Amino acid sequence: MNICRGCIAVATAILCASECVSLAMTKAVRRQSRRSAAALKLHLYDHCPYCTRVELVLGWHGRSYERAVYGYADVQGPMALTGKKVLPVITWRDEENMEHTMGESLDIIEAVEAAADQRLVGRRTGRKDLKAWQSRLRRVMHGLTRPRLLQMPIADFATEEDRRYQMRKYMAKGFDYKQSLASTNDLVPRVDSLLRDFPGLIRGEKTLNPGGWSWDDLYVLPSLRVLTCVKPITWPASVRAYVEDSHGAAGVKCYFDHAC
C-alpha cells in the first residue's frame, strides 16, 4: 500500500499537537491544585449533558474553576473559542501567561483524571441493562424536558432570543413544543415507570457500580439532572438520593427547586 508521506506528516503533527494540549491541560490542573486561585475557566451551557459530565468530574476531584455560561443564541462567543458553536470548552493560562484552549468533554475529563493523584472515574462497563434503560428513557424524556428547560432560571435561556433559538433548532427536526406539553399526562407515567425500575440498576452504595463512580454514571446522571426540571414526575427516594448526592458531591445544582 502506498501512503502519502505528506499525509503521514500531517497526521503525526495533529497527533502531537493534541497530545501537547492534553499534557498542558494536565499540568495546568496540577498547578491549580497547589494554589487557591482558580486557574481554569469552563465555558458551558448549564443544561448540556457533556458540560455536566465535565463539571461532575471537576467537582468530584475538588478542582475549582470559573463558570462562563453562554446564552443559547450566542453564536460568536463559543465560535471565538474553537471556531464552532460547541461547548464545553476549557481555557487556562500557563506559567508564561499564554492562554490555552481544549474542547471535547472526553479530552477534558481525561486530562483532569490524569492530573489527579487517584482516578475517580472507572471505565464504562457496557452493561446491557443500563443501555436498554437509557434507550427507553430517550424515547420519552425530551417531550417533557425540552419545553420546561426554557423556563429554568439559567443563562442558557435567559432571553427570548435564546429560547427561540432552541425552539427553531428542534422544530426544524420535527419537534412540536405545544404537542409535547399537551402530552404531559401520557409521558409522565412512562417516565415514572422507568424511575421505579432504576433502583435495581444501582449496584454500588451510592453509584451504579461497586467501587465508585464510573463512565456509566457520567452517561446517566446528566439525563437524570435534566429530568429534575419536570415537576409532575415522582422520584423514588433512592433515585432522588442518587441524583442529589452525586451532583451535590460535585457542587452541581439540579433543577428540583424550579421544576414546572
C-alpha atoms as a PDB file:
ATOM      1  CA  MET A   1       0.000   0.000   0.000  1.00  0.00           C
ATOM      2  CA  ASN A   2       1.359   3.428  -0.959  1.00  0.00           C
ATOM      3  CA  ILE A   3       0.836   6.018   1.746  1.00  0.00           C
ATOM      4  CA  CYS A   4       1.431   9.692   1.066  1.00  0.00           C
ATOM      5  CA  ARG A   5       4.402  10.869   3.149  1.00  0.00           C
ATOM      6  CA  GLY A   6       2.778  14.290   3.420  1.00  0.00           C
ATOM      7  CA  CYS A   7      -0.366  12.695   4.880  1.00  0.00           C
ATOM      8  CA  ILE A   8       1.714  10.862   7.461  1.00  0.00           C
ATOM      9  CA  ALA A   9       3.470  14.093   8.411  1.00  0.00           C
ATOM     10  CA  VAL A  10       0.171  15.943   8.805  1.00  0.00           C
ATOM     11  CA  ALA A  11      -1.374  13.140  10.850  1.00  0.00           C
ATOM     12  CA  THR A  12       1.707  12.998  13.077  1.00  0.00           C
ATOM     13  CA  ALA A  13       1.631  16.755  13.599  1.00  0.00           C
ATOM     14  CA  ILE A  14      -2.056  16.649  14.535  1.00  0.00           C
ATOM     15  CA  LEU A  15      -1.492  13.793  16.983  1.00  0.00           C
ATOM     16  CA  CYS A  16       1.468  15.547  18.598  1.00  0.00           C
ATOM     17  CA  ALA A  17      -0.462  18.800  18.867  1.00  0.00           C
ATOM     18  CA  SER A  18      -3.380  17.020  20.527  1.00  0.00           C
ATOM     19  CA  GLU A  19      -1.065  15.251  22.985  1.00  0.00           C
ATOM     20  CA  CYS A  20       0.706  18.530  23.812  1.00  0.00           C
ATOM     21  CA  VAL A  21      -2.585  20.293  24.555  1.00  0.00           C
ATOM     22  CA  SER A  22      -3.699  17.407  26.757  1.00  0.00           C
ATOM     23  CA  LEU A  23      -0.365  17.425  28.597  1.00  0.00           C
ATOM     24  CA  ALA A  24      -0.557  21.200  29.068  1.00  0.00           C
ATOM     25  CA  MET A  25      -4.090  20.857  30.443  1.00  0.00           C
ATOM     26  CA  THR A  26      -2.956  18.147  32.855  1.00  0.00           C
ATOM     27  CA  LYS A  27      -0.115  20.354  34.072  1.00  0.00           C
ATOM     28  CA  ALA A  28      -2.498  23.287  34.493  1.00  0.00           C
ATOM     29  CA  VAL A  29      -4.836  21.211  36.667  1.00  0.00           C
ATOM     30  CA  ARG A  30      -1.912  20.048  38.777  1.00  0.00           C
ATOM     31  CA  ARG A  31      -0.713  23.639  39.245  1.00  0.00           C
ATOM     32  CA  GLN A  32      -4.249  24.737  40.079  1.00  0.00           C
ATOM     33  CA  SER A  33      -4.496  22.075  42.778  1.00  0.00           C
ATOM     34  CA  ARG A  34      -1.488  23.589  44.519  1.00  0.00           C
ATOM     35  CA  ARG A  35      -2.918  27.097  44.841  1.00  0.00           C
ATOM     36  CA  SER A  36      -6.185  28.605  45.974  1.00  0.00           C
ATOM     37  CA  ALA A  37      -6.858  30.851  42.971  1.00  0.00           C
ATOM     38  CA  ALA A  38      -8.782  29.183  40.178  1.00  0.00           C
ATOM     39  CA  ALA A  39      -6.703  28.889  37.001  1.00  0.00           C
ATOM     40  CA  LEU A  40      -9.322  27.086  34.929  1.00  0.00           C
ATOM     41  CA  LYS A  41     -12.289  28.594  33.125  1.00  0.00           C
ATOM     42  CA  LEU A  42     -15.047  26.302  31.901  1.00  0.00           C
ATOM     43  CA  HIS A  43     -17.220  27.620  29.082  1.00  0.00           C
ATOM     44  CA  LEU A  44     -20.546  25.813  29.066  1.00  0.00           C
ATOM     45  CA  TYR A  45     -24.316  25.609  28.725  1.00  0.00           C
ATOM     46  CA  ASP A  46     -25.911  24.755  32.054  1.00  0.00           C
ATOM     47  CA  HIS A  47     -28.335  22.199  30.540  1.00  0.00           C
ATOM     48  CA  CYS A  48     -25.757  20.499  28.280  1.00  0.00           C
ATOM     49  CA  PRO A  49     -25.078  16.852  29.263  1.00  0.00           C
ATOM     50  CA  TYR A  50     -21.481  16.982  28.008  1.00  0.00           C
ATOM     51  CA  CYS A  51     -20.868  20.096  30.093  1.00  0.00           C
ATOM     52  CA  THR A  52     -22.449  18.457  33.138  1.00  0.00           C
ATOM     53  CA  ARG A  53     -20.083  15.494  32.808  1.00  0.00           C
ATOM     54  CA  VAL A  54     -17.077  17.799  32.941  1.00  0.00           C
ATOM     55  CA  GLU A  55     -18.482  19.700  35.927  1.00  0.00           C
ATOM     56  CA  LEU A  56     -19.118  16.456  37.774  1.00  0.00           C
ATOM     57  CA  VAL A  57     -15.544  15.242  37.332  1.00  0.00           C
ATOM     58  CA  LEU A  58     -14.020  18.616  38.201  1.00  0.00           C
ATOM     59  CA  GLY A  59     -16.216  18.772  41.281  1.00  0.00           C
ATOM     60  CA  TRP A  60     -15.563  15.218  42.409  1.00  0.00           C
ATOM     61  CA  HIS A  61     -11.849  15.980  42.260  1.00  0.00           C
ATOM     62  CA  GLY A  62     -12.327  19.207  44.179  1.00  0.00           C
ATOM     63  CA  ARG A  63     -10.921  21.363  41.377  1.00  0.00           C
ATOM     64  CA  SER A  64     -12.001  24.984  41.472  1.00  0.00           C
ATOM     65  CA  TYR A  65     -12.857  26.694  38.200  1.00  0.00           C
ATOM     66  CA  GLU A  66     -14.666  29.709  36.834  1.00  0.00           C
ATOM     67  CA  ARG A  67     -18.009  29.076  35.112  1.00  0.00           C
ATOM     68  CA  ALA A  68     -18.752  31.006  31.921  1.00  0.00           C
ATOM     69  CA  VAL A  69     -22.324  30.142  30.923  1.00  0.00           C
ATOM     70  CA  TYR A  70     -23.432  31.210  27.448  1.00  0.00           C
ATOM     71  CA  GLY A  71     -26.820  32.185  26.139  1.00  0.00           C
ATOM     72  CA  TYR A  72     -28.000  29.599  23.634  1.00  0.00           C
ATOM     73  CA  ALA A  73     -28.383  32.199  20.877  1.00  0.00           C
ATOM     74  CA  ASP A  74     -24.837  33.451  21.378  1.00  0.00           C
ATOM     75  CA  VAL A  75     -23.030  32.086  18.346  1.00  0.00           C
ATOM     76  CA  GLN A  76     -19.966  34.314  18.388  1.00  0.00           C
ATOM     77  CA  GLY A  77     -18.953  33.522  21.977  1.00  0.00           C
ATOM     78  CA  PRO A  78     -18.334  29.784  21.500  1.00  0.00           C
ATOM     79  CA  MET A  79     -17.111  30.349  17.938  1.00  0.00           C
ATOM     80  CA  ALA A  80     -14.362  32.625  19.238  1.00  0.00           C
ATOM     81  CA  LEU A  81     -13.032  29.745  21.332  1.00  0.00           C
ATOM     82  CA  THR A  82     -12.765  26.893  18.832  1.00  0.00           C
ATOM     83  CA  GLY A  83     -14.402  28.051  15.611  1.00  0.00           C
ATOM     84  CA  LYS A  84     -17.521  26.024  16.409  1.00  0.00           C
ATOM     85  CA  LYS A  85     -20.718  26.632  18.353  1.00  0.00           C
ATOM     86  CA  VAL A  86     -19.897  23.686  20.581  1.00  0.00           C
ATOM     87  CA  LEU A  87     -19.361  23.534  24.336  1.00  0.00           C
ATOM     88  CA  PRO A  88     -17.859  22.611  26.772  1.00  0.00           C
ATOM     89  CA  VAL A  89     -14.510  24.277  26.263  1.00  0.00           C
ATOM     90  CA  ILE A  90     -11.953  24.849  28.983  1.00  0.00           C
ATOM     91  CA  THR A  91      -9.313  27.576  28.910  1.00  0.00           C
ATOM     92  CA  TRP A  92      -6.346  28.292  31.128  1.00  0.00           C
ATOM     93  CA  ARG A  93      -3.086  30.253  31.199  1.00  0.00           C
ATOM     94  CA  ASP A  94       0.305  28.670  31.616  1.00  0.00           C
ATOM     95  CA  GLU A  95       3.204  29.929  33.715  1.00  0.00           C
ATOM     96  CA  GLU A  96       4.177  32.301  30.906  1.00  0.00           C
ATOM     97  CA  ASN A  97       0.619  33.702  30.801  1.00  0.00           C
ATOM     98  CA  MET A  98      -0.099  32.103  27.424  1.00  0.00           C
ATOM     99  CA  GLU A  99      -3.758  31.124  27.013  1.00  0.00           C
ATOM    100  CA  HIS A 100      -4.640  27.553  26.028  1.00  0.00           C
ATOM    101  CA  THR A 101      -7.930  26.030  24.933  1.00  0.00           C
ATOM    102  CA  MET A 102      -9.302  22.485  24.992  1.00  0.00           C
ATOM    103  CA  GLY A 103     -12.644  21.276  23.706  1.00  0.00           C
ATOM    104  CA  GLU A 104     -14.308  17.846  23.759  1.00  0.00           C
ATOM    105  CA  SER A 105     -15.620  16.664  27.114  1.00  0.00           C
ATOM    106  CA  LEU A 106     -13.815  13.313  26.817  1.00  0.00           C
ATOM    107  CA  ASP A 107     -10.440  15.024  26.449  1.00  0.00           C
ATOM    108  CA  ILE A 108     -11.105  17.451  29.292  1.00  0.00           C
ATOM    109  CA  ILE A 109     -12.192  14.679  31.642  1.00  0.00           C
ATOM    110  CA  GLU A 110      -9.169  12.553  30.751  1.00  0.00           C
ATOM    111  CA  ALA A 111      -6.842  15.492  31.452  1.00  0.00           C
ATOM    112  CA  VAL A 112      -8.475  16.113  34.840  1.00  0.00           C
ATOM    113  CA  GLU A 113      -8.278  12.436  35.733  1.00  0.00           C
ATOM    114  CA  ALA A 114      -4.657  12.174  34.595  1.00  0.00           C
ATOM    115  CA  ALA A 115      -3.704  15.154  36.766  1.00  0.00           C
ATOM    116  CA  ALA A 116      -5.192  13.658  39.913  1.00  0.00           C
ATOM    117  CA  ASP A 117      -3.329  11.617  42.497  1.00  0.00           C
ATOM    118  CA  GLN A 118      -6.039   8.992  42.073  1.00  0.00           C
ATOM    119  CA  ARG A 119      -8.523   8.457  39.263  1.00  0.00           C
ATOM    120  CA  LEU A 120     -12.129   8.590  40.401  1.00  0.00           C
ATOM    121  CA  VAL A 121     -13.965   7.550  37.230  1.00  0.00           C
ATOM    122  CA  GLY A 122     -13.902   3.930  36.186  1.00  0.00           C
ATOM    123  CA  ARG A 123     -14.377   2.715  32.649  1.00  0.00           C
ATOM    124  CA  ARG A 124     -17.772   2.211  31.074  1.00  0.00           C
ATOM    125  CA  THR A 125     -18.812  -1.362  31.736  1.00  0.00           C
ATOM    126  CA  GLY A 126     -21.044  -1.952  28.742  1.00  0.00           C
ATOM    127  CA  ARG A 127     -23.903  -3.125  30.940  1.00  0.00           C
ATOM    128  CA  LYS A 128     -26.810  -4.120  28.712  1.00  0.00           C
ATOM    129  CA  ASP A 129     -29.398  -3.343  31.388  1.00  0.00           C
ATOM    130  CA  LEU A 130     -28.213   0.273  31.593  1.00  0.00           C
ATOM    131  CA  LYS A 131     -28.103   0.634  27.825  1.00  0.00           C
ATOM    132  CA  ALA A 132     -31.654  -0.667  27.479  1.00  0.00           C
ATOM    133  CA  TRP A 133     -32.913   1.628  30.261  1.00  0.00           C
ATOM    134  CA  GLN A 134     -31.289   4.688  28.701  1.00  0.00           C
ATOM    135  CA  SER A 135     -32.728   3.825  25.314  1.00  0.00           C
ATOM    136  CA  ARG A 136     -36.229   3.647  26.775  1.00  0.00           C
ATOM    137  CA  LEU A 137     -35.723   6.943  28.601  1.00  0.00           C
ATOM    138  CA  ARG A 138     -34.560   8.796  25.491  1.00  0.00           C
ATOM    139  CA  ARG A 139     -37.792   7.882  23.714  1.00  0.00           C
ATOM    140  CA  VAL A 140     -39.917   9.791  26.211  1.00  0.00           C
ATOM    141  CA  MET A 141     -37.866  12.326  28.184  1.00  0.00           C
ATOM    142  CA  HIS A 142     -37.420  15.064  25.574  1.00  0.00           C
ATOM    143  CA  GLY A 143     -41.151  15.658  25.288  1.00  0.00           C
ATOM    144  CA  LEU A 144     -41.103  16.606  28.968  1.00  0.00           C
ATOM    145  CA  THR A 145     -37.743  18.347  29.303  1.00  0.00           C
ATOM    146  CA  ARG A 146     -37.301  20.500  26.207  1.00  0.00           C
ATOM    147  CA  PRO A 147     -40.286  22.799  26.830  1.00  0.00           C
ATOM    148  CA  ARG A 148     -39.547  23.051  30.564  1.00  0.00           C
ATOM    149  CA  LEU A 149     -35.817  23.745  30.292  1.00  0.00           C
ATOM    150  CA  LEU A 150     -36.772  27.009  28.622  1.00  0.00           C
ATOM    151  CA  GLN A 151     -38.406  28.055  31.906  1.00  0.00           C
ATOM    152  CA  MET A 152     -35.392  27.327  34.106  1.00  0.00           C
ATOM    153  CA  PRO A 153     -33.524  30.326  35.598  1.00  0.00           C
ATOM    154  CA  ILE A 154     -30.300  29.598  33.723  1.00  0.00           C
ATOM    155  CA  ALA A 155     -28.233  31.792  31.425  1.00  0.00           C
ATOM    156  CA  ASP A 156     -28.737  29.366  28.544  1.00  0.00           C
ATOM    157  CA  PHE A 157     -32.314  30.588  28.064  1.00  0.00           C
ATOM    158  CA  ALA A 158     -32.277  33.955  29.815  1.00  0.00           C
ATOM    159  CA  THR A 159     -33.588  35.888  26.812  1.00  0.00           C
ATOM    160  CA  GLU A 160     -36.405  35.406  24.350  1.00  0.00           C
ATOM    161  CA  GLU A 161     -33.801  35.149  21.610  1.00  0.00           C
ATOM    162  CA  ASP A 162     -32.114  32.247  23.438  1.00  0.00           C
ATOM    163  CA  ARG A 163     -35.424  30.430  23.825  1.00  0.00           C
ATOM    164  CA  ARG A 164     -36.410  30.958  20.207  1.00  0.00           C
ATOM    165  CA  TYR A 165     -33.024  29.727  19.024  1.00  0.00           C
ATOM    166  CA  GLN A 166     -33.508  26.447  20.846  1.00  0.00           C
ATOM    167  CA  MET A 167     -37.071  26.087  19.621  1.00  0.00           C
ATOM    168  CA  ARG A 168     -36.135  26.715  15.987  1.00  0.00           C
ATOM    169  CA  LYS A 169     -33.359  24.125  16.243  1.00  0.00           C
ATOM    170  CA  TYR A 170     -35.634  21.304  17.347  1.00  0.00           C
ATOM    171  CA  MET A 171     -38.727  22.379  15.424  1.00  0.00           C
ATOM    172  CA  ALA A 172     -36.626  22.060  12.267  1.00  0.00           C
ATOM    173  CA  LYS A 173     -36.156  18.412  13.243  1.00  0.00           C
ATOM    174  CA  GLY A 174     -39.896  17.893  13.697  1.00  0.00           C
ATOM    175  CA  PHE A 175     -40.238  18.513  17.434  1.00  0.00           C
ATOM    176  CA  ASP A 176     -43.607  20.009  18.449  1.00  0.00           C
ATOM    177  CA  TYR A 177     -43.452  22.025  21.681  1.00  0.00           C
ATOM    178  CA  LYS A 178     -47.195  22.520  22.069  1.00  0.00           C
ATOM    179  CA  GLN A 179     -47.931  18.870  21.419  1.00  0.00           C
ATOM    180  CA  SER A 180     -45.230  17.816  23.879  1.00  0.00           C
ATOM    181  CA  LEU A 181     -46.746  19.885  26.665  1.00  0.00           C
ATOM    182  CA  ALA A 182     -50.183  18.565  25.781  1.00  0.00           C
ATOM    183  CA  SER A 183     -48.786  15.019  26.088  1.00  0.00           C
ATOM    184  CA  THR A 184     -47.522  15.522  29.651  1.00  0.00           C
ATOM    185  CA  ASN A 185     -50.170  13.249  31.181  1.00  0.00           C
ATOM    186  CA  ASP A 186     -49.177  10.480  28.787  1.00  0.00           C
ATOM    187  CA  LEU A 187     -45.417  10.893  29.174  1.00  0.00           C
ATOM    188  CA  VAL A 188     -45.138  11.280  32.951  1.00  0.00           C
ATOM    189  CA  PRO A 189     -46.405   7.762  33.796  1.00  0.00           C
ATOM    190  CA  ARG A 190     -43.876   6.279  31.363  1.00  0.00           C
ATOM    191  CA  VAL A 191     -41.007   8.178  32.978  1.00  0.00           C
ATOM    192  CA  ASP A 192     -42.319   7.306  36.448  1.00  0.00           C
ATOM    193  CA  SER A 193     -42.234   3.643  35.475  1.00  0.00           C
ATOM    194  CA  LEU A 194     -38.625   3.967  34.325  1.00  0.00           C
ATOM    195  CA  LEU A 195     -37.642   5.677  37.559  1.00  0.00           C
ATOM    196  CA  ARG A 196     -39.288   2.891  39.571  1.00  0.00           C
ATOM    197  CA  ASP A 197     -37.095   0.427  37.670  1.00  0.00           C
ATOM    198  CA  PHE A 198     -33.920   2.404  38.282  1.00  0.00           C
ATOM    199  CA  PRO A 199     -33.113   1.314  41.879  1.00  0.00           C
ATOM    200  CA  GLY A 200     -32.436  -2.163  40.543  1.00  0.00           C
ATOM    201  CA  LEU A 201     -29.637  -0.702  38.395  1.00  0.00           C
ATOM    202  CA  ILE A 202     -27.754   0.782  41.355  1.00  0.00           C
ATOM    203  CA  ARG A 203     -25.221  -1.859  42.372  1.00  0.00           C
ATOM    204  CA  GLY A 204     -22.847   0.288  44.411  1.00  0.00           C
ATOM    205  CA  GLU A 205     -23.502   2.031  47.708  1.00  0.00           C
ATOM    206  CA  LYS A 206     -24.085   5.393  46.001  1.00  0.00           C
ATOM    207  CA  THR A 207     -23.021   4.640  42.432  1.00  0.00           C
ATOM    208  CA  LEU A 208     -24.170   2.437  39.590  1.00  0.00           C
ATOM    209  CA  ASN A 209     -21.289   0.007  40.069  1.00  0.00           C
ATOM    210  CA  PRO A 210     -19.355  -1.178  43.138  1.00  0.00           C
ATOM    211  CA  GLY A 211     -16.124   0.692  43.663  1.00  0.00           C
ATOM    212  CA  GLY A 212     -17.302   4.226  42.985  1.00  0.00           C
ATOM    213  CA  TRP A 213     -18.184   6.458  40.047  1.00  0.00           C
ATOM    214  CA  SER A 214     -17.656   5.287  36.506  1.00  0.00           C
ATOM    215  CA  TRP A 215     -18.470   6.365  32.974  1.00  0.00           C
ATOM    216  CA  ASP A 216     -21.769   4.545  33.452  1.00  0.00           C
ATOM    217  CA  ASP A 217     -22.679   7.237  35.995  1.00  0.00           C
ATOM    218  CA  LEU A 218     -21.425  10.007  33.704  1.00  0.00           C
ATOM    219  CA  TYR A 219     -23.728   8.827  30.923  1.00  0.00           C
ATOM    220  CA  VAL A 220     -26.804   8.509  33.143  1.00  0.00           C
ATOM    221  CA  LEU A 221     -26.530  11.408  35.603  1.00  0.00           C
ATOM    222  CA  PRO A 222     -26.867  14.296  33.100  1.00  0.00           C
ATOM    223  CA  SER A 223     -30.149  12.845  31.799  1.00  0.00           C
ATOM    224  CA  LEU A 224     -31.488  12.452  35.315  1.00  0.00           C
ATOM    225  CA  ARG A 225     -30.408  16.005  36.143  1.00  0.00           C
ATOM    226  CA  VAL A 226     -32.364  17.376  33.189  1.00  0.00           C
ATOM    227  CA  LEU A 227     -35.422  15.426  34.343  1.00  0.00           C
ATOM    228  CA  THR A 228     -35.361  17.341  37.629  1.00  0.00           C
ATOM    229  CA  CYS A 229     -36.979  20.270  35.785  1.00  0.00           C
ATOM    230  CA  VAL A 230     -40.200  18.239  35.381  1.00  0.00           C
ATOM    231  CA  LYS A 231     -42.418  18.792  38.413  1.00  0.00           C
ATOM    232  CA  PRO A 232     -45.091  16.095  37.806  1.00  0.00           C
ATOM    233  CA  ILE A 233     -42.505  13.304  37.953  1.00  0.00           C
ATOM    234  CA  THR A 234     -42.477  11.077  41.041  1.00  0.00           C
ATOM    235  CA  TRP A 235     -38.973  10.301  42.238  1.00  0.00           C
ATOM    236  CA  PRO A 236     -38.342   7.118  44.246  1.00  0.00           C
ATOM    237  CA  ALA A 237     -36.345   8.057  47.341  1.00  0.00           C
ATOM    238  CA  SER A 238     -33.273   6.046  46.359  1.00  0.00           C
ATOM    239  CA  VAL A 239     -33.187   7.526  42.852  1.00  0.00           C
ATOM    240  CA  ARG A 240     -33.524  11.089  44.097  1.00  0.00           C
ATOM    241  CA  ALA A 241     -30.793  10.412  46.649  1.00  0.00           C
ATOM    242  CA  TYR A 242     -28.520   9.065  43.889  1.00  0.00           C
ATOM    243  CA  VAL A 243     -29.108  12.192  41.788  1.00  0.00           C
ATOM    244  CA  GLU A 244     -28.768  14.690  44.633  1.00  0.00           C
ATOM    245  CA  ASP A 245     -25.776  13.008  46.280  1.00  0.00           C
ATOM    246  CA  SER A 246     -23.812  12.612  43.030  1.00  0.00           C
ATOM    247  CA  HIS A 247     -24.392  16.182  41.892  1.00  0.00           C
ATOM    248  CA  GLY A 248     -24.048  17.571  45.400  1.00  0.00           C
ATOM    249  CA  ALA A 249     -20.635  15.941  45.787  1.00  0.00           C
ATOM    250  CA  ALA A 250     -19.535  17.936  42.746  1.00  0.00           C
ATOM    251  CA  GLY A 251     -21.282  21.179  43.673  1.00  0.00           C
ATOM    252  CA  VAL A 252     -23.530  20.936  40.607  1.00  0.00           C
ATOM    253  CA  LYS A 253     -27.067  22.197  41.103  1.00  0.00           C
ATOM    254  CA  CYS A 254     -30.147  20.339  39.906  1.00  0.00           C
ATOM    255  CA  TYR A 255     -33.487  21.921  38.924  1.00  0.00           C
ATOM    256  CA  PHE A 256     -35.743  20.480  41.627  1.00  0.00           C
ATOM    257  CA  ASP A 257     -36.372  23.893  43.206  1.00  0.00           C
ATOM    258  CA  HIS A 258     -37.548  25.369  39.905  1.00  0.00           C
ATOM    259  CA  ALA A 259     -39.365  22.380  38.411  1.00  0.00           C
ATOM    260  CA  CYS A 260     -42.519  23.157  36.474  1.00  0.00           C
END
